[in-house]
């Protein structure tokens, strides 16, 4: 990156998302804020990438957990019955736990019969 920039080529380092948690520039700007998350406790969360003042926007609420609003959306907005929602859950189409790839393959086979 330094050699490219010295030669006048716009360049930057490509980083993994986990590496951004320790980025000195992001830390100095307060971009990463720790918030309380359901099930996992204090967790780093990126804030808005822009500002109106010298302080970052406060994160007002944590992002929803996986499936947190399933019933609200499926029943309240889409009008599905409790039985239909239970069937979606039973068939592994919706849920509240992240499945690893092996589990996804197993659930897909199970749902296919």
PDB file of N, CA and C in Angstrom:
ATOM      1  N   UNK A   1       0.835  -1.181   0.000  1.00  0.00           N
ATOM      2  CA  UNK A   1       0.000   0.000   0.000  1.00  0.00           C
ATOM      3  C   UNK A   1       0.885   1.251   0.000  1.00  0.00           C
ATOM      4  N   UNK A   2       1.896   1.276   0.871  1.00  0.00           N
ATOM      5  CA  UNK A   2       2.769   2.450   0.948  1.00  0.00           C
ATOM      6  C   UNK A   2       3.506   2.689  -0.367  1.00  0.00           C
ATOM      7  N   UNK A   3       3.985   1.610  -0.998  1.00  0.00           N
ATOM      8  CA  UNK A   3       4.703   1.740  -2.268  1.00  0.00           C
ATOM      9  C   UNK A   3       3.772   2.254  -3.358  1.00  0.00           C
ATOM     10  N   UNK A   4       2.548   1.744  -3.394  1.00  0.00           N
ATOM     11  CA  UNK A   4       1.583   2.214  -4.384  1.00  0.00           C
ATOM     12  C   UNK A   4       1.235   3.682  -4.165  1.00  0.00           C
ATOM     13  N   UNK A   5       1.002   4.052  -2.931  1.00  0.00           N
ATOM     14  CA  UNK A   5       0.665   5.440  -2.634  1.00  0.00           C
ATOM     15  C   UNK A   5       1.828   6.362  -2.984  1.00  0.00           C
ATOM     16  N   UNK A   6       3.055   5.907  -2.707  1.00  0.00           N
ATOM     17  CA  UNK A   6       4.236   6.714  -3.039  1.00  0.00           C
ATOM     18  C   UNK A   6       4.363   6.920  -4.553  1.00  0.00           C
ATOM     19  N   UNK A   7       3.847   5.942  -5.328  1.00  0.00           N
ATOM     20  CA  UNK A   7       3.899   6.051  -6.787  1.00  0.00           C
ATOM     21  C   UNK A   7       2.679   6.785  -7.336  1.00  0.00           C
ATOM     22  N   UNK A   8       1.819   7.312  -6.432  1.00  0.00           N
ATOM     23  CA  UNK A   8       0.659   8.074  -6.871  1.00  0.00           C
ATOM     24  C   UNK A   8      -0.576   7.239  -7.161  1.00  0.00           C
ATOM     25  N   UNK A   9      -0.545   5.985  -6.753  1.00  0.00           N
ATOM     26  CA  UNK A   9      -1.692   5.108  -6.987  1.00  0.00           C
ATOM     27  C   UNK A   9      -2.554   5.086  -5.724  1.00  0.00           C
ATOM     28  N   UNK A  10      -3.821   5.450  -5.885  1.00  0.00           N
ATOM     29  CA  UNK A  10      -4.737   5.398  -4.737  1.00  0.00           C
ATOM     30  C   UNK A  10      -4.865   3.953  -4.287  1.00  0.00           C
ATOM     31  N   UNK A  11      -4.600   3.696  -3.018  1.00  0.00           N
ATOM     32  CA  UNK A  11      -4.656   2.324  -2.522  1.00  0.00           C
ATOM     33  C   UNK A  11      -4.911   2.327  -1.019  1.00  0.00           C
ATOM     34  N   UNK A  12      -5.322   1.194  -0.546  1.00  0.00           N
ATOM     35  CA  UNK A  12      -5.576   1.016   0.877  1.00  0.00           C
ATOM     36  C   UNK A  12      -5.510  -0.458   1.219  1.00  0.00           C
ATOM     37  N   UNK A  13      -5.505  -0.747   2.484  1.00  0.00           N
ATOM     38  CA  UNK A  13      -5.423  -2.114   2.961  1.00  0.00           C
ATOM     39  C   UNK A  13      -6.821  -2.717   2.991  1.00  0.00           C
ATOM     40  N   UNK A  14      -6.949  -3.933   2.473  1.00  0.00           N
ATOM     41  CA  UNK A  14      -8.205  -4.680   2.596  1.00  0.00           C
ATOM     42  C   UNK A  14      -8.124  -5.476   3.893  1.00  0.00           C
ATOM     43  N   UNK A  15      -9.110  -5.293   4.757  1.00  0.00           N
ATOM     44  CA  UNK A  15      -9.078  -5.948   6.066  1.00  0.00           C
ATOM     45  C   UNK A  15     -10.304  -6.810   6.268  1.00  0.00           C
ATOM     46  N   UNK A  16     -10.138  -7.791   7.121  1.00  0.00           N
ATOM     47  CA  UNK A  16     -11.274  -8.591   7.558  1.00  0.00           C
ATOM     48  C   UNK A  16     -12.093  -7.753   8.532  1.00  0.00           C
ATOM     49  N   UNK A  17     -13.400  -7.950   8.574  1.00  0.00           N
ATOM     50  CA  UNK A  17     -14.222  -7.165   9.498  1.00  0.00           C
ATOM     51  C   UNK A  17     -13.742  -7.226  10.950  1.00  0.00           C
ATOM     52  N   UNK A  18     -13.290  -8.370  11.403  1.00  0.00           N
ATOM     53  CA  UNK A  18     -12.833  -8.498  12.795  1.00  0.00           C
ATOM     54  C   UNK A  18     -11.620  -7.606  13.056  1.00  0.00           C
ATOM     55  N   UNK A  19     -10.805  -7.367  12.029  1.00  0.00           N
ATOM     56  CA  UNK A  19      -9.620  -6.516  12.186  1.00  0.00           C
ATOM     57  C   UNK A  19      -9.989  -5.047  12.359  1.00  0.00           C
ATOM     58  N   UNK A  20     -11.151  -4.660  11.874  1.00  0.00           N
ATOM     59  CA  UNK A  20     -11.577  -3.263  11.993  1.00  0.00           C
ATOM     60  C   UNK A  20     -11.819  -2.852  13.445  1.00  0.00           C
ATOM     61  N   UNK A  21     -12.081  -3.820  14.316  1.00  0.00           N
ATOM     62  CA  UNK A  21     -12.311  -3.502  15.732  1.00  0.00           C
ATOM     63  C   UNK A  21     -11.087  -2.871  16.379  1.00  0.00           C
ATOM     64  N   UNK A  22      -9.911  -3.162  15.840  1.00  0.00           N
ATOM     65  CA  UNK A  22      -8.671  -2.616  16.406  1.00  0.00           C
ATOM     66  C   UNK A  22      -8.059  -1.515  15.551  1.00  0.00           C
ATOM     67  N   UNK A  23      -8.761  -1.071  14.518  1.00  0.00           N
ATOM     68  CA  UNK A  23      -8.230  -0.034  13.640  1.00  0.00           C
ATOM     69  C   UNK A  23      -8.062   1.266  14.428  1.00  0.00           C
ATOM     70  N   UNK A  24      -6.845   1.838  14.454  1.00  0.00           N
ATOM     71  CA  UNK A  24      -6.606   3.044  15.254  1.00  0.00           C
ATOM     72  C   UNK A  24      -7.463   4.240  14.839  1.00  0.00           C
ATOM     73  N   UNK A  25      -7.694   4.418  13.541  1.00  0.00           N
ATOM     74  CA  UNK A  25      -8.495   5.554  13.077  1.00  0.00           C
ATOM     75  C   UNK A  25      -9.952   5.405  13.514  1.00  0.00           C
ATOM     76  N   UNK A  26     -10.508   4.197  13.342  1.00  0.00           N
ATOM     77  CA  UNK A  26     -11.898   3.968  13.746  1.00  0.00           C
ATOM     78  C   UNK A  26     -12.067   4.120  15.254  1.00  0.00           C
ATOM     79  N   UNK A  27     -11.077   3.646  15.999  1.00  0.00           N
ATOM     80  CA  UNK A  27     -11.132   3.779  17.466  1.00  0.00           C
ATOM     81  C   UNK A  27     -11.060   5.245  17.881  1.00  0.00           C
ATOM     82  N   UNK A  28     -10.167   5.998  17.250  1.00  0.00           N
ATOM     83  CA  UNK A  28     -10.008   7.417  17.597  1.00  0.00           C
ATOM     84  C   UNK A  28     -11.280   8.206  17.306  1.00  0.00           C
ATOM     85  N   UNK A  29     -12.015   7.823  16.274  1.00  0.00           N
ATOM     86  CA  UNK A  29     -13.247   8.528  15.917  1.00  0.00           C
ATOM     87  C   UNK A  29     -14.461   8.019  16.680  1.00  0.00           C
ATOM     88  N   UNK A  30     -14.276   6.980  17.501  1.00  0.00           N
ATOM     89  CA  UNK A  30     -15.406   6.436  18.252  1.00  0.00           C
ATOM     90  C   UNK A  30     -16.405   5.713  17.370  1.00  0.00           C
ATOM     91  N   UNK A  31     -15.952   5.209  16.211  1.00  0.00           N
ATOM     92  CA  UNK A  31     -16.842   4.552  15.267  1.00  0.00           C
ATOM     93  C   UNK A  31     -17.417   3.255  15.831  1.00  0.00           C
ATOM     94  N   UNK A  32     -16.585   2.525  16.558  1.00  0.00           N
ATOM     95  CA  UNK A  32     -17.036   1.276  17.167  1.00  0.00           C
ATOM     96  C   UNK A  32     -17.500   1.594  18.582  1.00  0.00           C
ATOM     97  N   UNK A  33     -18.775   1.312  18.852  1.00  0.00           N
ATOM     98  CA  UNK A  33     -19.338   1.531  20.185  1.00  0.00           C
ATOM     99  C   UNK A  33     -19.763   0.189  20.766  1.00  0.00           C
ATOM    100  N   UNK A  34     -19.601   0.041  22.062  1.00  0.00           N
ATOM    101  CA  UNK A  34     -20.040  -1.202  22.719  1.00  0.00           C
ATOM    102  C   UNK A  34     -21.464  -1.008  23.224  1.00  0.00           C
ATOM    103  N   UNK A  35     -22.315  -1.965  22.884  1.00  0.00           N
ATOM    104  CA  UNK A  35     -23.702  -1.912  23.331  1.00  0.00           C
ATOM    105  C   UNK A  35     -24.084  -3.261  23.936  1.00  0.00           C
ATOM    106  N   UNK A  36     -25.140  -3.263  24.739  1.00  0.00           N
ATOM    107  CA  UNK A  36     -25.641  -4.504  25.321  1.00  0.00           C
ATOM    108  C   UNK A  36     -26.534  -5.203  24.311  1.00  0.00           C
ATOM    109  N   UNK A  37     -26.233  -6.471  24.034  1.00  0.00           N
ATOM    110  CA  UNK A  37     -27.004  -7.279  23.085  1.00  0.00           C
ATOM    111  C   UNK A  37     -27.637  -8.449  23.830  1.00  0.00           C
ATOM    112  N   UNK A  38     -28.849  -8.803  23.431  1.00  0.00           N
ATOM    113  CA  UNK A  38     -29.504  -9.972  24.011  1.00  0.00           C
ATOM    114  C   UNK A  38     -28.640 -11.203  23.752  1.00  0.00           C
ATOM    115  N   UNK A  39     -28.538 -12.050  24.721  1.00  0.00           N
ATOM    116  CA  UNK A  39     -27.840 -13.341  24.665  1.00  0.00           C
ATOM    117  C   UNK A  39     -26.315 -13.243  24.724  1.00  0.00           C
ATOM    118  N   UNK A  40     -25.718 -12.146  24.257  1.00  0.00           N
ATOM    119  CA  UNK A  40     -24.254 -12.104  24.189  1.00  0.00           C
ATOM    120  C   UNK A  40     -23.619 -11.019  25.049  1.00  0.00           C
ATOM    121  N   UNK A  41     -24.403 -10.134  25.630  1.00  0.00           N
ATOM    122  CA  UNK A  41     -23.858  -9.086  26.489  1.00  0.00           C
ATOM    123  C   UNK A  41     -23.245  -7.937  25.704  1.00  0.00           C
ATOM    124  N   UNK A  42     -22.208  -7.304  26.292  1.00  0.00           N
ATOM    125  CA  UNK A  42     -21.548  -6.160  25.636  1.00  0.00           C
ATOM    126  C   UNK A  42     -20.909  -6.621  24.338  1.00  0.00           C
ATOM    127  N   UNK A  43     -21.170  -5.853  23.275  1.00  0.00           N
ATOM    128  CA  UNK A  43     -20.722  -6.270  21.949  1.00  0.00           C
ATOM    129  C   UNK A  43     -20.354  -5.033  21.138  1.00  0.00           C
ATOM    130  N   UNK A  44     -19.234  -5.082  20.393  1.00  0.00           N
ATOM    131  CA  UNK A  44     -18.870  -3.936  19.564  1.00  0.00           C
ATOM    132  C   UNK A  44     -19.833  -3.797  18.390  1.00  0.00           C
ATOM    133  N   UNK A  45     -20.223  -2.580  18.120  1.00  0.00           N
ATOM    134  CA  UNK A  45     -21.190  -2.303  17.057  1.00  0.00           C
ATOM    135  C   UNK A  45     -20.732  -1.069  16.298  1.00  0.00           C
ATOM    136  N   UNK A  46     -20.694  -1.120  14.955  1.00  0.00           N
ATOM    137  CA  UNK A  46     -20.321   0.084  14.212  1.00  0.00           C
ATOM    138  C   UNK A  46     -21.418   1.142  14.318  1.00  0.00           C
ATOM    139  N   UNK A  47     -20.993   2.395  14.345  1.00  0.00           N
ATOM    140  CA  UNK A  47     -21.960   3.493  14.395  1.00  0.00           C
ATOM    141  C   UNK A  47     -22.123   4.072  12.991  1.00  0.00           C
ATOM    142  N   UNK A  48     -22.851   5.148  12.901  1.00  0.00           N
ATOM    143  CA  UNK A  48     -23.070   5.790  11.600  1.00  0.00           C
ATOM    144  C   UNK A  48     -21.720   6.259  11.036  1.00  0.00           C
ATOM    145  N   UNK A  49     -21.525   6.146   9.724  1.00  0.00           N
ATOM    146  CA  UNK A  49     -20.246   6.536   9.139  1.00  0.00           C
ATOM    147  C   UNK A  49     -20.090   8.043   8.939  1.00  0.00           C
ATOM    148  N   UNK A  50     -21.113   8.821   9.278  1.00  0.00           N
ATOM    149  CA  UNK A  50     -21.021  10.274   9.134  1.00  0.00           C
ATOM    150  C   UNK A  50     -21.425  10.932  10.448  1.00  0.00           C
ATOM    151  N   UNK A  51     -21.140  12.214  10.568  1.00  0.00           N
ATOM    152  CA  UNK A  51     -21.437  12.956  11.789  1.00  0.00           C
ATOM    153  C   UNK A  51     -21.987  14.323  11.463  1.00  0.00           C
ATOM    154  N   UNK A  52     -22.724  14.873  12.421  1.00  0.00           N
ATOM    155  CA  UNK A  52     -23.170  16.261  12.334  1.00  0.00           C
ATOM    156  C   UNK A  52     -22.389  17.135  13.304  1.00  0.00           C
ATOM    157  N   UNK A  53     -21.748  16.495  14.292  1.00  0.00           N
ATOM    158  CA  UNK A  53     -20.923  17.206  15.272  1.00  0.00           C
ATOM    159  C   UNK A  53     -19.598  16.461  15.389  1.00  0.00           C
ATOM    160  N   UNK A  54     -18.797  16.829  16.387  1.00  0.00           N
ATOM    161  CA  UNK A  54     -17.529  16.128  16.564  1.00  0.00           C
ATOM    162  C   UNK A  54     -17.703  14.777  17.253  1.00  0.00           C
ATOM    163  N   UNK A  55     -18.897  14.465  17.723  1.00  0.00           N
ATOM    164  CA  UNK A  55     -19.175  13.188  18.389  1.00  0.00           C
ATOM    165  C   UNK A  55     -19.956  12.253  17.463  1.00  0.00           C
ATOM    166  N   UNK A  56     -19.695  10.942  17.552  1.00  0.00           N
ATOM    167  CA  UNK A  56     -20.479  10.015  16.730  1.00  0.00           C
ATOM    168  C   UNK A  56     -21.925   9.960  17.220  1.00  0.00           C
ATOM    169  N   UNK A  57     -22.833   9.599  16.321  1.00  0.00           N
ATOM    170  CA  UNK A  57     -24.223   9.393  16.725  1.00  0.00           C
ATOM    171  C   UNK A  57     -24.274   8.246  17.727  1.00  0.00           C
ATOM    172  N   UNK A  58     -25.046   8.420  18.775  1.00  0.00           N
ATOM    173  CA  UNK A  58     -25.207   7.335  19.752  1.00  0.00           C
ATOM    174  C   UNK A  58     -26.066   6.237  19.135  1.00  0.00           C
ATOM    175  N   UNK A  59     -25.735   5.008  19.424  1.00  0.00           N
ATOM    176  CA  UNK A  59     -26.558   3.886  18.982  1.00  0.00           C
ATOM    177  C   UNK A  59     -27.720   3.797  19.956  1.00  0.00           C
ATOM    178  N   UNK A  60     -28.926   4.011  19.452  1.00  0.00           N
ATOM    179  CA  UNK A  60     -30.108   4.071  20.318  1.00  0.00           C
ATOM    180  C   UNK A  60     -30.661   2.708  20.691  1.00  0.00           C
ATOM    181  N   UNK A  61     -30.487   1.736  19.827  1.00  0.00           N
ATOM    182  CA  UNK A  61     -30.978   0.398  20.148  1.00  0.00           C
ATOM    183  C   UNK A  61     -30.132  -0.632  19.427  1.00  0.00           C
ATOM    184  N   UNK A  62     -30.087  -1.790  20.014  1.00  0.00           N
ATOM    185  CA  UNK A  62     -29.304  -2.884  19.422  1.00  0.00           C
ATOM    186  C   UNK A  62     -30.048  -3.460  18.222  1.00  0.00           C
ATOM    187  N   UNK A  63     -29.317  -3.979  17.247  1.00  0.00           N
ATOM    188  CA  UNK A  63     -29.987  -4.649  16.131  1.00  0.00           C
ATOM    189  C   UNK A  63     -30.778  -5.850  16.653  1.00  0.00           C
ATOM    190  N   UNK A  64     -31.830  -6.236  15.961  1.00  0.00           N
ATOM    191  CA  UNK A  64     -32.610  -7.382  16.438  1.00  0.00           C
ATOM    192  C   UNK A  64     -31.805  -8.677  16.363  1.00  0.00           C
ATOM    193  N   UNK A  65     -32.147  -9.605  17.234  1.00  0.00           N
ATOM    194  CA  UNK A  65     -31.527 -10.913  17.174  1.00  0.00           C
ATOM    195  C   UNK A  65     -32.224 -11.738  16.091  1.00  0.00           C
ATOM    196  N   UNK A  66     -31.610 -12.825  15.700  1.00  0.00           N
ATOM    197  CA  UNK A  66     -32.153 -13.686  14.661  1.00  0.00           C
ATOM    198  C   UNK A  66     -33.555 -14.159  15.039  1.00  0.00           C
ATOM    199  N   UNK A  67     -34.512 -13.851  14.213  1.00  0.00           N
ATOM    200  CA  UNK A  67     -35.887 -14.291  14.428  1.00  0.00           C
ATOM    201  C   UNK A  67     -36.663 -13.529  15.472  1.00  0.00           C
ATOM    202  N   UNK A  68     -36.087 -12.485  16.031  1.00  0.00           N
ATOM    203  CA  UNK A  68     -36.735 -11.744  17.114  1.00  0.00           C
ATOM    204  C   UNK A  68     -38.119 -11.233  16.720  1.00  0.00           C
ATOM    205  N   UNK A  69     -38.295 -10.831  15.480  1.00  0.00           N
ATOM    206  CA  UNK A  69     -39.565 -10.258  15.040  1.00  0.00           C
ATOM    207  C   UNK A  69     -40.362 -11.204  14.135  1.00  0.00           C
ATOM    208  N   UNK A  70     -40.032 -12.488  14.156  1.00  0.00           N
ATOM    209  CA  UNK A  70     -40.739 -13.447  13.291  1.00  0.00           C
ATOM    210  C   UNK A  70     -42.251 -13.348  13.451  1.00  0.00           C
ATOM    211  N   UNK A  71     -42.736 -13.472  14.679  1.00  0.00           N
ATOM    212  CA  UNK A  71     -44.182 -13.507  14.899  1.00  0.00           C
ATOM    213  C   UNK A  71     -44.819 -12.167  14.520  1.00  0.00           C
ATOM    214  N   UNK A  72     -44.175 -11.081  14.908  1.00  0.00           N
ATOM    215  CA  UNK A  72     -44.692  -9.745  14.596  1.00  0.00           C
ATOM    216  C   UNK A  72     -44.875  -9.552  13.092  1.00  0.00           C
ATOM    217  N   UNK A  73     -43.895  -9.988  12.311  1.00  0.00           N
ATOM    218  CA  UNK A  73     -43.952  -9.830  10.859  1.00  0.00           C
ATOM    219  C   UNK A  73     -44.890 -10.856  10.218  1.00  0.00           C
ATOM    220  N   UNK A  74     -44.674 -12.122  10.565  1.00  0.00           N
ATOM    221  CA  UNK A  74     -45.429 -13.177   9.894  1.00  0.00           C
ATOM    222  C   UNK A  74     -46.915 -13.159  10.240  1.00  0.00           C
ATOM    223  N   UNK A  75     -47.244 -12.916  11.508  1.00  0.00           N
ATOM    224  CA  UNK A  75     -48.660 -12.880  11.905  1.00  0.00           C
ATOM    225  C   UNK A  75     -49.241 -11.488  11.722  1.00  0.00           C
ATOM    226  N   UNK A  76     -48.566 -10.507  12.266  1.00  0.00           N
ATOM    227  CA  UNK A  76     -49.110  -9.152  12.270  1.00  0.00           C
ATOM    228  C   UNK A  76     -49.180  -8.491  10.915  1.00  0.00           C
ATOM    229  N   UNK A  77     -48.164  -8.673  10.089  1.00  0.00           N
ATOM    230  CA  UNK A  77     -48.138  -8.001   8.795  1.00  0.00           C
ATOM    231  C   UNK A  77     -48.606  -8.929   7.668  1.00  0.00           C
ATOM    232  N   UNK A  78     -48.108 -10.174   7.680  1.00  0.00           N
ATOM    233  CA  UNK A  78     -48.455 -11.096   6.594  1.00  0.00           C
ATOM    234  C   UNK A  78     -49.719 -11.909   6.864  1.00  0.00           C
ATOM    235  N   UNK A  79     -50.200 -11.890   8.107  1.00  0.00           N
ATOM    236  CA  UNK A  79     -51.456 -12.562   8.427  1.00  0.00           C
ATOM    237  C   UNK A  79     -51.392 -14.067   8.562  1.00  0.00           C
ATOM    238  N   UNK A  80     -50.199 -14.638   8.773  1.00  0.00           N
ATOM    239  CA  UNK A  80     -50.105 -16.086   8.961  1.00  0.00           C
ATOM    240  C   UNK A  80     -50.681 -16.487  10.313  1.00  0.00           C
ATOM    241  N   UNK A  81     -51.247 -17.675  10.368  1.00  0.00           N
ATOM    242  CA  UNK A  81     -51.806 -18.185  11.620  1.00  0.00           C
ATOM    243  C   UNK A  81     -50.680 -18.756  12.483  1.00  0.00           C
ATOM    244  N   UNK A  82     -50.978 -18.969  13.765  1.00  0.00           N
ATOM    245  CA  UNK A  82     -49.993 -19.581  14.661  1.00  0.00           C
ATOM    246  C   UNK A  82     -49.603 -20.960  14.152  1.00  0.00           C
ATOM    247  N   UNK A  83     -50.558 -21.701  13.593  1.00  0.00           N
ATOM    248  CA  UNK A  83     -50.272 -23.034  13.059  1.00  0.00           C
ATOM    249  C   UNK A  83     -49.308 -22.947  11.871  1.00  0.00           C
ATOM    250  N   UNK A  84     -49.503 -21.965  11.001  1.00  0.00           N
ATOM    251  CA  UNK A  84     -48.614 -21.796   9.850  1.00  0.00           C
ATOM    252  C   UNK A  84     -47.211 -21.408  10.303  1.00  0.00           C
ATOM    253  N   UNK A  85     -47.126 -20.552  11.305  1.00  0.00           N
ATOM    254  CA  UNK A  85     -45.816 -20.141  11.833  1.00  0.00           C
ATOM    255  C   UNK A  85     -45.122 -21.325  12.484  1.00  0.00           C
ATOM    256  N   UNK A  86     -45.886 -22.139  13.233  1.00  0.00           N
ATOM    257  CA  UNK A  86     -45.314 -23.337  13.866  1.00  0.00           C
ATOM    258  C   UNK A  86     -44.787 -24.301  12.807  1.00  0.00           C
ATOM    259  N   UNK A  87     -45.500 -24.419  11.699  1.00  0.00           N
ATOM    260  CA  UNK A  87     -45.058 -25.303  10.613  1.00  0.00           C
ATOM    261  C   UNK A  87     -43.756 -24.787   9.989  1.00  0.00           C
ATOM    262  N   UNK A  88     -43.653 -23.488   9.777  1.00  0.00           N
ATOM    263  CA  UNK A  88     -42.416 -22.906   9.249  1.00  0.00           C
ATOM    264  C   UNK A  88     -41.241 -23.181  10.185  1.00  0.00           C
ATOM    265  N   UNK A  89     -41.491 -23.070  11.473  1.00  0.00           N
ATOM    266  CA  UNK A  89     -40.446 -23.347  12.460  1.00  0.00           C
ATOM    267  C   UNK A  89     -40.077 -24.825  12.453  1.00  0.00           C
ATOM    268  N   UNK A  90     -41.078 -25.687  12.451  1.00  0.00           N
ATOM    269  CA  UNK A  90     -40.858 -27.138  12.458  1.00  0.00           C
ATOM    270  C   UNK A  90     -40.077 -27.573  11.215  1.00  0.00           C
ATOM    271  N   UNK A  91     -40.352 -26.942  10.071  1.00  0.00           N
ATOM    272  CA  UNK A  91     -39.673 -27.294   8.823  1.00  0.00           C
ATOM    273  C   UNK A  91     -38.294 -26.646   8.681  1.00  0.00           C
ATOM    274  N   UNK A  92     -37.885 -25.866   9.704  1.00  0.00           N
ATOM    275  CA  UNK A  92     -36.555 -25.255   9.684  1.00  0.00           C
ATOM    276  C   UNK A  92     -36.453 -24.044   8.771  1.00  0.00           C
ATOM    277  N   UNK A  93     -37.600 -23.493   8.373  1.00  0.00           N
ATOM    278  CA  UNK A  93     -37.587 -22.326   7.487  1.00  0.00           C
ATOM    279  C   UNK A  93     -37.351 -21.046   8.277  1.00  0.00           C
ATOM    280  N   UNK A  94     -37.891 -20.977   9.479  1.00  0.00           N
ATOM    281  CA  UNK A  94     -37.630 -19.845  10.369  1.00  0.00           C
ATOM    282  C   UNK A  94     -37.083 -20.397  11.680  1.00  0.00           C
ATOM    283  N   UNK A  95     -36.501 -19.527  12.475  1.00  0.00           N
ATOM    284  CA  UNK A  95     -35.972 -19.949  13.768  1.00  0.00           C
ATOM    285  C   UNK A  95     -35.289 -18.794  14.459  1.00  0.00           C
ATOM    286  N   UNK A  96     -34.714 -19.110  15.601  1.00  0.00           N
ATOM    287  CA  UNK A  96     -34.035 -18.081  16.387  1.00  0.00           C
ATOM    288  C   UNK A  96     -32.590 -18.456  16.694  1.00  0.00           C
ATOM    289  N   UNK A  97     -32.120 -19.545  16.109  1.00  0.00           N
ATOM    290  CA  UNK A  97     -30.740 -19.969  16.324  1.00  0.00           C
ATOM    291  C   UNK A  97     -30.030 -20.085  14.985  1.00  0.00           C
ATOM    292  N   UNK A  98     -28.798 -19.567  14.945  1.00  0.00           N
ATOM    293  CA  UNK A  98     -28.009 -19.665  13.738  1.00  0.00           C
ATOM    294  C   UNK A  98     -27.567 -21.108  13.555  1.00  0.00           C
ATOM    295  N   UNK A  99     -27.721 -21.638  12.362  1.00  0.00           N
ATOM    296  CA  UNK A  99     -27.303 -23.003  12.070  1.00  0.00           C
ATOM    297  C   UNK A  99     -25.993 -22.975  11.293  1.00  0.00           C
ATOM    298  N   UNK A 100     -25.134 -23.923  11.611  1.00  0.00           N
ATOM    299  CA  UNK A 100     -23.894 -24.059  10.858  1.00  0.00           C
ATOM    300  C   UNK A 100     -24.215 -24.759   9.538  1.00  0.00           C
ATOM    301  N   UNK A 101     -23.305 -24.733   8.590  1.00  0.00           N
ATOM    302  CA  UNK A 101     -23.574 -25.271   7.261  1.00  0.00           C
ATOM    303  C   UNK A 101     -24.005 -26.728   7.309  1.00  0.00           C
ATOM    304  N   UNK A 102     -23.353 -27.534   8.164  1.00  0.00           N
ATOM    305  CA  UNK A 102     -23.722 -28.948   8.259  1.00  0.00           C
ATOM    306  C   UNK A 102     -25.172 -29.101   8.722  1.00  0.00           C
ATOM    307  N   UNK A 103     -25.571 -28.251   9.675  1.00  0.00           N
ATOM    308  CA  UNK A 103     -26.934 -28.291  10.174  1.00  0.00           C
ATOM    309  C   UNK A 103     -27.926 -27.867   9.102  1.00  0.00           C
ATOM    310  N   UNK A 104     -27.560 -26.874   8.295  1.00  0.00           N
ATOM    311  CA  UNK A 104     -28.440 -26.420   7.218  1.00  0.00           C
ATOM    312  C   UNK A 104     -28.694 -27.539   6.212  1.00  0.00           C
ATOM    313  N   UNK A 105     -27.631 -28.267   5.843  1.00  0.00           N
ATOM    314  CA  UNK A 105     -27.769 -29.375   4.907  1.00  0.00           C
ATOM    315  C   UNK A 105     -28.674 -30.446   5.507  1.00  0.00           C
ATOM    316  N   UNK A 106     -28.465 -30.747   6.784  1.00  0.00           N
ATOM    317  CA  UNK A 106     -29.266 -31.755   7.459  1.00  0.00           C
ATOM    318  C   UNK A 106     -30.741 -31.329   7.520  1.00  0.00           C
ATOM    319  N   UNK A 107     -30.991 -30.061   7.860  1.00  0.00           N
ATOM    320  CA  UNK A 107     -32.371 -29.549   7.928  1.00  0.00           C
ATOM    321  C   UNK A 107     -33.032 -29.559   6.555  1.00  0.00           C
ATOM    322  N   UNK A 108     -32.263 -29.224   5.511  1.00  0.00           N
ATOM    323  CA  UNK A 108     -32.817 -29.214   4.159  1.00  0.00           C
ATOM    324  C   UNK A 108     -33.238 -30.624   3.749  1.00  0.00           C
ATOM    325  N   UNK A 109     -32.392 -31.610   4.059  1.00  0.00           N
ATOM    326  CA  UNK A 109     -32.725 -32.998   3.740  1.00  0.00           C
ATOM    327  C   UNK A 109     -33.936 -33.458   4.524  1.00  0.00           C
ATOM    328  N   UNK A 110     -33.999 -33.086   5.814  1.00  0.00           N
ATOM    329  CA  UNK A 110     -35.118 -33.485   6.658  1.00  0.00           C
ATOM    330  C   UNK A 110     -36.419 -32.883   6.141  1.00  0.00           C
ATOM    331  N   UNK A 111     -36.385 -31.600   5.769  1.00  0.00           N
ATOM    332  CA  UNK A 111     -37.585 -30.928   5.288  1.00  0.00           C
ATOM    333  C   UNK A 111     -38.051 -31.487   3.936  1.00  0.00           C
ATOM    334  N   UNK A 112     -37.092 -31.957   3.133  1.00  0.00           N
ATOM    335  CA  UNK A 112     -37.450 -32.516   1.825  1.00  0.00           C
ATOM    336  C   UNK A 112     -38.096 -33.895   1.954  1.00  0.00           C
ATOM    337  N   UNK A 113     -37.945 -34.519   3.127  1.00  0.00           N
ATOM    338  CA  UNK A 113     -38.591 -35.810   3.349  1.00  0.00           C
ATOM    339  C   UNK A 113     -37.632 -36.892   3.156  1.00  0.00           C
TER     340      UNK A 113
END
